[in-house]
Protein backbone atom coordinates (compact mmCIF):
# COMPACT_ATOMS: atom_id res chain seq x y z
CA MET A 1 0.00 0.00 0.00
CA ASP A 2 1.18 3.47 -0.74
CA GLY A 3 0.58 5.24 2.57
CA ASN A 4 -1.92 7.70 1.08
CA LYS A 5 -5.01 6.95 3.12
CA THR A 6 -7.41 9.45 1.61
CA LEU A 7 -9.89 9.24 -1.21
CA GLY A 8 -10.30 11.69 -4.05
CA LYS A 9 -13.55 13.62 -4.26
CA GLU A 10 -15.02 11.37 -6.95
CA GLU A 11 -14.02 8.18 -5.10
CA MET A 12 -15.56 9.55 -1.93
CA GLU A 13 -18.82 10.43 -3.69
CA ASP A 14 -18.98 7.00 -5.37
CA LEU A 15 -18.38 5.21 -2.07
CA ILE A 16 -21.02 7.25 -0.23
CA LYS A 17 -23.49 6.51 -3.02
CA THR A 18 -22.71 2.78 -2.79
CA LEU A 19 -23.10 2.83 1.00
CA LYS A 20 -26.39 4.73 0.80
CA ASN A 21 -27.79 2.27 -1.75
CA ARG A 22 -26.77 -0.66 0.46
CA PHE A 23 -28.29 1.09 3.48
CA ASP A 24 -31.59 1.61 1.62
CA GLU A 25 -31.69 -1.97 0.32
CA ASN A 26 -31.07 -3.52 3.75
CA LEU A 27 -33.18 -1.56 6.22
CA HIS A 28 -33.60 -4.68 8.38
CA ARG A 29 -29.97 -4.23 9.50
CA HIS A 30 -30.52 -0.73 10.91
CA LYS A 31 -34.24 -0.10 11.41
CA LYS A 32 -33.91 2.93 13.70
CA LEU A 33 -31.03 4.74 11.98
CA GLU A 34 -31.23 7.72 9.62
CA TRP A 35 -28.93 7.94 6.61
CA ASN A 36 -28.41 11.74 6.77
CA ASN A 37 -26.80 11.46 10.23
CA ILE A 38 -24.55 8.66 9.01
CA GLN A 39 -23.51 10.60 5.91
CA GLU A 40 -22.54 13.61 8.05
CA LYS A 41 -20.24 11.36 10.09
CA LEU A 42 -18.75 9.85 6.95
CA VAL A 43 -17.95 13.21 5.37
CA ALA A 44 -16.40 14.43 8.65
CA ASN A 45 -14.09 11.38 8.84
CA PRO A 46 -12.18 10.96 5.55
CA ASP A 47 -9.72 8.50 7.13
CA LYS A 48 -12.64 6.23 8.03
CA LEU A 49 -13.99 6.57 4.49
CA TRP A 50 -10.65 5.29 3.24
CA SER A 51 -10.97 2.24 5.51
CA LEU A 52 -14.55 1.64 4.35
CA ASN A 53 -13.31 1.81 0.77
CA GLU A 54 -10.70 -0.84 1.57
CA MET A 55 -13.47 -3.00 3.04
CA GLU A 56 -15.49 -2.48 -0.14
CA LYS A 57 -12.56 -3.17 -2.51
CA SER A 58 -11.78 -6.45 -0.74
CA GLY A 59 -15.36 -7.67 -1.11
CA GLY A 60 -16.72 -6.91 2.36
CA GLU A 61 -19.83 -4.97 1.31
CA PRO A 62 -19.79 -2.85 4.50
CA ASP A 63 -23.08 -1.64 5.93
CA VAL A 64 -24.22 0.05 9.14
CA ILE A 65 -25.40 -2.51 11.67
CA ASP A 66 -25.62 -0.52 14.90
CA PHE A 67 -25.17 2.78 16.73
CA ASP A 68 -23.31 3.03 20.03
CA GLU A 69 -25.02 5.76 22.04
CA LYS A 70 -22.25 5.84 24.66
CA THR A 71 -19.54 6.68 22.14
CA ASN A 72 -21.80 8.35 19.54
CA GLU A 73 -20.40 6.02 16.85
CA TYR A 74 -22.00 4.17 13.96
CA ILE A 75 -20.79 0.62 13.51
CA PHE A 76 -20.11 -0.57 9.97
CA CYS A 77 -19.52 -4.26 9.40
CA ASP A 78 -18.77 -6.56 6.47
CA CYS A 79 -22.15 -7.78 5.23
CA SER A 80 -21.08 -9.78 2.18
CA PRO A 81 -22.95 -13.10 2.09
CA GLU A 82 -19.66 -15.01 2.38
CA SER A 83 -16.31 -14.12 3.92
CA PRO A 84 -14.83 -11.30 1.79
CA LYS A 85 -13.05 -12.76 -1.25
CA GLY A 86 -10.13 -10.35 -1.10
CA ARG A 87 -9.34 -11.38 2.47
CA ARG A 88 -9.21 -15.17 2.23
CA SER A 89 -6.30 -17.63 2.43
CA VAL A 90 -4.69 -15.81 5.34
CA CYS A 91 -3.51 -17.20 8.66
CA TYR A 92 -4.54 -15.52 11.91
CA ASP A 93 -1.65 -13.21 12.90
CA ARG A 94 1.99 -12.24 12.26
CA GLU A 95 3.32 -14.71 14.85
CA ALA A 96 1.54 -17.58 13.06
CA LEU A 97 2.74 -16.34 9.68
CA GLU A 98 6.37 -16.22 10.80
CA ALA A 99 6.12 -19.64 12.45
CA ARG A 100 4.85 -21.28 9.28
CA LYS A 101 7.96 -22.41 7.40
CA LYS A 102 6.31 -24.43 4.64
CA TYR A 103 3.90 -22.75 2.20
CA PRO A 104 3.23 -19.57 4.22
CA PRO A 105 0.32 -17.38 3.10
CA LYS A 106 1.05 -13.86 1.86
CA THR A 107 -0.23 -12.17 5.02
CA SER A 108 -2.35 -12.62 8.11
CA ALA A 109 -5.84 -11.50 9.06
CA LEU A 110 -4.62 -9.20 11.84
CA ASP A 111 -1.93 -7.62 9.64
CA MET A 112 -4.38 -7.03 6.82
CA ALA A 113 -7.00 -5.56 9.17
CA SER A 114 -4.41 -3.25 10.71
CA GLU A 115 -3.30 -2.01 7.27
CA MET A 116 -6.95 -1.32 6.43
CA GLY A 117 -7.68 0.48 9.72
CA ILE A 118 -10.38 -2.02 10.74
CA GLU A 119 -10.73 -4.66 13.44
CA LEU A 120 -11.75 -8.31 13.37
CA LEU A 121 -15.11 -9.18 14.86
CA ASP A 122 -15.04 -10.97 18.19
CA GLU A 123 -17.39 -13.86 18.95
CA THR A 124 -20.11 -11.64 20.46
CA GLN A 125 -20.02 -9.23 17.51
CA TYR A 126 -20.11 -12.15 15.06
CA ARG A 127 -23.16 -13.62 16.76
CA HIS A 128 -24.86 -10.20 16.64
CA LEU A 129 -24.13 -9.93 12.92
CA GLN A 130 -25.57 -13.42 12.39
CA SER A 131 -28.75 -12.35 14.22
CA LEU A 132 -29.41 -9.83 11.42
CA GLU A 133 -29.25 -12.44 8.65
CA SER A 134 -27.29 -15.59 7.79
CA PHE A 135 -23.67 -15.07 6.70
CA ASP A 136 -20.81 -17.49 5.95
CA GLN A 137 -22.99 -20.39 4.85
CA LYS A 138 -20.22 -21.70 2.56
CA THR A 139 -17.15 -19.98 4.02
CA SER A 140 -15.80 -19.17 7.47
CA SER A 141 -14.27 -16.11 9.11
CA TRP A 142 -11.41 -15.71 11.58
CA LEU A 143 -12.56 -14.00 14.79
CA LYS A 144 -10.66 -11.95 17.34
CA THR A 145 -9.23 -14.70 19.51
CA PRO A 146 -9.00 -14.55 23.31
CA ALA A 147 -5.39 -14.31 24.56
CA ASP A 148 -5.52 -17.59 26.47
CA ILE A 149 -6.43 -19.53 23.31
CA ARG A 150 -3.90 -17.68 21.18
CA LYS A 151 -1.18 -18.30 23.77
CA LEU A 152 -1.69 -22.04 23.22
CA GLY A 153 -1.25 -21.68 19.45
CA GLY A 154 -4.90 -21.61 18.46
CA ALA A 155 -7.33 -19.15 16.96
CA ILE A 156 -11.11 -19.16 16.57
CA PHE A 157 -13.35 -18.77 13.55
CA GLY A 158 -17.07 -18.88 12.90
CA ASP A 159 -19.57 -19.87 10.26
CA PHE A 160 -23.29 -20.55 9.83
CA ARG A 161 -24.41 -24.13 9.14
CA PHE A 162 -27.55 -26.14 9.78
CA GLY A 163 -29.48 -23.08 10.88
CA ARG A 164 -27.04 -21.99 13.59
CA VAL A 165 -23.78 -20.20 14.30
CA PHE A 166 -20.76 -22.37 15.03
CA ILE A 167 -17.54 -21.16 16.62
CA TYR A 168 -14.55 -23.46 16.12
CA HIS A 169 -10.81 -23.50 16.71
CA ASN A 170 -7.84 -24.16 14.49
CA GLY A 171 -4.10 -23.67 14.61
CA ALA A 172 -3.46 -19.95 14.10
CA ASP A 173 -1.04 -20.79 11.28
CA SER A 174 -3.68 -22.57 9.20
CA TYR A 175 -5.26 -20.94 6.17
CA TYR A 176 -7.88 -21.99 3.66
CA GLY A 177 -9.32 -20.68 0.42
CA ALA A 178 -12.75 -20.53 2.04
CA ARG A 179 -11.66 -18.71 5.23
CA GLY A 180 -11.14 -15.00 5.46
CA PHE A 181 -12.16 -12.51 8.09
CA ARG A 182 -14.99 -10.11 8.76
CA ALA A 183 -14.32 -6.77 10.33
CA LEU A 184 -15.99 -3.70 11.71
CA LEU A 185 -15.29 -0.01 11.73
CA LYS A 186 -16.65 2.54 14.19
CA ILE A 187 -17.31 6.04 12.92
């Protein structure tokens, strides 16, 4: 990446239009929220718009899923039906990437999220997202892993099968073509 984390005027307008269309088409995700308030926040936070654009470019289809009254922040989350295509085949974190000597992936979920200015969903956030509609019915997504599990070499991921959310574990150095990560961004 080139370090320039801003969008041009036309890119910004295109992204806001895309986000508004997605907002309007998926009102069940944010029944009590008003687009004009969200757009004001977006325009006032160009660095966050850049991160949302990175989410969009990697296939995340970000949409507003909540509003945190305590922090006065809107919460955008990847709402693509499956784990974002541009974020698959990655291990969990840098430590796992460096430990993998044979056939290492190009990057890790945590490194990629950090570069994009976003954060992986934790288990609670993932379950909330799944309460809005069913995601990851054919793929899976790495989740922010508790330190005690990560310390033992593992990492957790989730998916939706047989009408329910499943949370599993795997070695943090594993990676699969059908596993990426979902993230959120607070604005």
